[in-house]
Amino acid sequence: MGDESMPECPRLQSCAFFELLMKDQSSLAGLFRQRYCRAKCHECARMIVETAGLPVPEDLFPNQDRKAAEIIGAAVAHARSA
């Protein structure tokens, strides 16, 4: 089965990543959109952070899932120490 059944990202039209960082990078932006926005938005680092209820850093790339995990881990550690 292909990715056709996966829903598009609800932030596809308004994602700050594309508006700010990928504005002049149409080829690279197209690759990110195809992989993360149109097929696997649940794997997008930006969506992962947003789903966790945290602010998404403007410079977070969709493929930075490790960085997303670090952001979430730091927020959890901070919440536990508070």
N, C-alpha and C. Protein backbone atom coordinates (compact mmCIF):
# COMPACT_ATOMS: atom_id res chain seq x y z
N MET A 1 0.83 -1.18 0.00
CA MET A 1 0.00 0.00 0.00
C MET A 1 0.88 1.24 0.00
N GLY A 2 0.44 2.27 -0.69
CA GLY A 2 1.19 3.52 -0.77
C GLY A 2 0.77 4.50 0.30
N ASP A 3 1.25 5.71 0.15
CA ASP A 3 0.95 6.75 1.12
C ASP A 3 -0.32 7.51 0.77
N GLU A 4 -1.03 7.07 -0.27
CA GLU A 4 -2.20 7.80 -0.73
C GLU A 4 -3.27 7.93 0.34
N SER A 5 -3.33 6.99 1.27
CA SER A 5 -4.37 7.02 2.29
C SER A 5 -4.04 7.96 3.45
N MET A 6 -2.81 8.44 3.50
CA MET A 6 -2.41 9.32 4.58
C MET A 6 -2.99 10.71 4.33
N PRO A 7 -3.49 11.35 5.37
CA PRO A 7 -4.05 12.69 5.19
C PRO A 7 -2.96 13.73 5.02
N GLU A 8 -3.30 14.81 4.32
CA GLU A 8 -2.37 15.92 4.22
C GLU A 8 -2.26 16.61 5.57
N CYS A 9 -1.16 17.28 5.76
CA CYS A 9 -0.94 18.02 6.99
C CYS A 9 -1.94 19.17 7.08
N PRO A 10 -2.56 19.36 8.24
CA PRO A 10 -3.50 20.46 8.39
C PRO A 10 -2.81 21.83 8.33
N ARG A 11 -1.50 21.86 8.46
CA ARG A 11 -0.74 23.12 8.42
C ARG A 11 -0.10 23.36 7.05
N LEU A 12 -0.44 22.56 6.08
CA LEU A 12 0.20 22.62 4.76
C LEU A 12 0.23 24.04 4.19
N GLN A 13 -0.84 24.75 4.27
CA GLN A 13 -0.92 26.08 3.67
C GLN A 13 -0.34 27.19 4.53
N SER A 14 -0.14 26.92 5.83
CA SER A 14 0.29 28.00 6.72
C SER A 14 1.55 27.71 7.51
N CYS A 15 2.28 26.69 7.15
CA CYS A 15 3.47 26.30 7.91
C CYS A 15 4.55 27.38 7.82
N ALA A 16 4.98 27.85 8.97
CA ALA A 16 6.00 28.90 9.03
C ALA A 16 7.32 28.43 8.42
N PHE A 17 7.59 27.16 8.47
CA PHE A 17 8.82 26.61 7.90
C PHE A 17 8.93 26.98 6.43
N PHE A 18 7.87 26.80 5.69
CA PHE A 18 7.90 27.10 4.26
C PHE A 18 7.82 28.60 4.00
N GLU A 19 7.08 29.31 4.81
CA GLU A 19 6.94 30.75 4.63
C GLU A 19 8.24 31.48 4.95
N LEU A 20 8.99 31.02 5.95
CA LEU A 20 10.19 31.71 6.39
C LEU A 20 11.49 31.11 5.85
N LEU A 21 11.66 29.82 5.98
CA LEU A 21 12.94 29.20 5.64
C LEU A 21 13.04 28.68 4.21
N MET A 22 11.95 28.27 3.64
CA MET A 22 12.00 27.63 2.33
C MET A 22 11.45 28.52 1.22
N LYS A 23 11.27 29.79 1.51
CA LYS A 23 10.66 30.70 0.55
C LYS A 23 11.35 30.67 -0.82
N ASP A 24 12.68 30.65 -0.83
CA ASP A 24 13.43 30.69 -2.08
C ASP A 24 14.04 29.34 -2.46
N GLN A 25 13.60 28.28 -1.84
CA GLN A 25 14.16 26.95 -2.07
C GLN A 25 13.09 26.02 -2.64
N SER A 26 12.53 26.36 -3.76
CA SER A 26 11.38 25.62 -4.27
C SER A 26 11.63 24.12 -4.48
N SER A 27 12.81 23.73 -4.95
CA SER A 27 13.08 22.30 -5.16
C SER A 27 13.13 21.54 -3.84
N LEU A 28 13.89 22.07 -2.89
CA LEU A 28 13.99 21.43 -1.58
C LEU A 28 12.65 21.47 -0.86
N ALA A 29 11.97 22.60 -0.95
CA ALA A 29 10.66 22.72 -0.31
C ALA A 29 9.70 21.69 -0.88
N GLY A 30 9.77 21.46 -2.18
CA GLY A 30 8.91 20.47 -2.82
C GLY A 30 9.15 19.07 -2.29
N LEU A 31 10.41 18.74 -2.05
CA LEU A 31 10.74 17.43 -1.50
C LEU A 31 10.19 17.27 -0.08
N PHE A 32 10.37 18.29 0.74
CA PHE A 32 9.84 18.24 2.10
C PHE A 32 8.31 18.14 2.09
N ARG A 33 7.67 18.92 1.23
CA ARG A 33 6.21 18.88 1.15
C ARG A 33 5.72 17.49 0.75
N GLN A 34 6.37 16.90 -0.24
CA GLN A 34 5.94 15.58 -0.71
C GLN A 34 6.09 14.53 0.38
N ARG A 35 7.21 14.55 1.07
CA ARG A 35 7.48 13.52 2.09
C ARG A 35 6.66 13.73 3.36
N TYR A 36 6.66 14.94 3.88
CA TYR A 36 6.06 15.18 5.20
C TYR A 36 4.66 15.78 5.14
N CYS A 37 4.42 16.71 4.27
CA CYS A 37 3.12 17.41 4.26
C CYS A 37 2.02 16.63 3.55
N ARG A 38 2.40 15.94 2.51
CA ARG A 38 1.38 15.25 1.72
C ARG A 38 1.31 13.76 1.98
N ALA A 39 2.28 13.22 2.73
CA ALA A 39 2.28 11.77 2.92
C ALA A 39 2.41 11.35 4.38
N LYS A 40 3.36 11.90 5.10
CA LYS A 40 3.65 11.40 6.45
C LYS A 40 3.75 12.54 7.45
N CYS A 41 2.69 13.32 7.57
CA CYS A 41 2.75 14.47 8.47
C CYS A 41 2.97 14.05 9.92
N HIS A 42 2.60 12.83 10.28
CA HIS A 42 2.82 12.34 11.64
C HIS A 42 4.30 12.12 11.94
N GLU A 43 5.15 12.10 10.91
CA GLU A 43 6.59 11.96 11.09
C GLU A 43 7.31 13.31 11.07
N CYS A 44 6.61 14.38 10.79
CA CYS A 44 7.20 15.71 10.72
C CYS A 44 7.59 16.18 12.12
N ALA A 45 8.85 16.58 12.29
CA ALA A 45 9.32 17.04 13.59
C ALA A 45 8.51 18.23 14.08
N ARG A 46 8.12 19.10 13.18
CA ARG A 46 7.34 20.28 13.56
C ARG A 46 5.97 19.86 14.10
N MET A 47 5.35 18.90 13.43
CA MET A 47 4.04 18.41 13.87
C MET A 47 4.16 17.67 15.20
N ILE A 48 5.23 16.93 15.38
CA ILE A 48 5.45 16.20 16.63
C ILE A 48 5.53 17.16 17.81
N VAL A 49 6.30 18.24 17.65
CA VAL A 49 6.43 19.23 18.72
C VAL A 49 5.10 19.93 18.96
N GLU A 50 4.42 20.32 17.89
CA GLU A 50 3.12 20.99 18.03
C GLU A 50 2.10 20.09 18.72
N THR A 51 2.07 18.82 18.34
CA THR A 51 1.14 17.87 18.93
C THR A 51 1.40 17.69 20.43
N ALA A 52 2.65 17.87 20.83
CA ALA A 52 3.00 17.79 22.25
C ALA A 52 2.58 19.04 23.02
N GLY A 53 2.02 20.01 22.30
CA GLY A 53 1.55 21.24 22.94
C GLY A 53 2.64 22.25 23.21
N LEU A 54 3.74 22.14 22.48
CA LEU A 54 4.87 23.04 22.69
C LEU A 54 5.02 24.00 21.51
N PRO A 55 5.63 25.15 21.75
CA PRO A 55 5.89 26.06 20.64
C PRO A 55 6.92 25.45 19.69
N VAL A 56 6.70 25.61 18.42
CA VAL A 56 7.59 25.04 17.41
C VAL A 56 8.65 26.07 17.04
N PRO A 57 9.92 25.73 17.23
CA PRO A 57 10.98 26.67 16.83
C PRO A 57 10.91 26.94 15.32
N GLU A 58 11.09 28.20 14.95
CA GLU A 58 11.00 28.56 13.53
C GLU A 58 12.01 27.80 12.68
N ASP A 59 13.17 27.47 13.25
CA ASP A 59 14.23 26.84 12.47
C ASP A 59 14.21 25.31 12.52
N LEU A 60 13.16 24.73 13.05
CA LEU A 60 13.05 23.27 13.12
C LEU A 60 12.62 22.72 11.76
N PHE A 61 13.46 21.86 11.19
CA PHE A 61 13.16 21.25 9.89
C PHE A 61 12.27 20.02 10.11
N PRO A 62 11.44 19.68 9.13
CA PRO A 62 10.55 18.52 9.26
C PRO A 62 11.27 17.21 9.53
N ASN A 63 12.50 17.08 9.07
CA ASN A 63 13.24 15.83 9.23
C ASN A 63 14.08 15.77 10.51
N GLN A 64 13.95 16.75 11.38
CA GLN A 64 14.73 16.78 12.62
C GLN A 64 13.97 16.14 13.78
N ASP A 65 13.64 14.87 13.61
CA ASP A 65 12.87 14.18 14.64
C ASP A 65 13.66 14.02 15.94
N ARG A 66 14.97 13.89 15.85
CA ARG A 66 15.78 13.80 17.09
C ARG A 66 15.73 15.11 17.86
N LYS A 67 15.80 16.21 17.13
CA LYS A 67 15.71 17.51 17.79
C LYS A 67 14.33 17.69 18.42
N ALA A 68 13.30 17.21 17.75
CA ALA A 68 11.94 17.28 18.31
C ALA A 68 11.88 16.50 19.61
N ALA A 69 12.49 15.32 19.63
CA ALA A 69 12.51 14.51 20.86
C ALA A 69 13.26 15.23 21.97
N GLU A 70 14.35 15.92 21.63
CA GLU A 70 15.10 16.68 22.62
C GLU A 70 14.27 17.83 23.19
N ILE A 71 13.55 18.52 22.33
CA ILE A 71 12.69 19.63 22.76
C ILE A 71 11.62 19.12 23.72
N ILE A 72 11.00 18.02 23.36
CA ILE A 72 9.95 17.45 24.22
C ILE A 72 10.56 16.94 25.52
N GLY A 73 11.70 16.27 25.44
CA GLY A 73 12.37 15.78 26.64
C GLY A 73 12.75 16.90 27.59
N ALA A 74 13.24 18.01 27.05
CA ALA A 74 13.61 19.16 27.88
C ALA A 74 12.38 19.76 28.54
N ALA A 75 11.28 19.82 27.82
CA ALA A 75 10.05 20.37 28.39
C ALA A 75 9.52 19.48 29.51
N VAL A 76 9.60 18.18 29.32
CA VAL A 76 9.16 17.23 30.35
C VAL A 76 10.04 17.36 31.59
N ALA A 77 11.36 17.43 31.38
CA ALA A 77 12.29 17.56 32.51
C ALA A 77 12.04 18.86 33.26
N HIS A 78 11.78 19.92 32.52
CA HIS A 78 11.51 21.22 33.15
C HIS A 78 10.22 21.15 33.96
N ALA A 79 9.21 20.52 33.42
CA ALA A 79 7.92 20.40 34.12
C ALA A 79 8.07 19.58 35.40
N ARG A 80 8.89 18.55 35.36
CA ARG A 80 9.09 17.71 36.54
C ARG A 80 9.85 18.44 37.64
N SER A 81 10.76 19.33 37.24
CA SER A 81 11.56 20.04 38.24
C SER A 81 10.85 21.27 38.79
N ALA A 82 9.75 21.63 38.18
CA ALA A 82 9.02 22.83 38.63
C ALA A 82 8.13 22.54 39.83
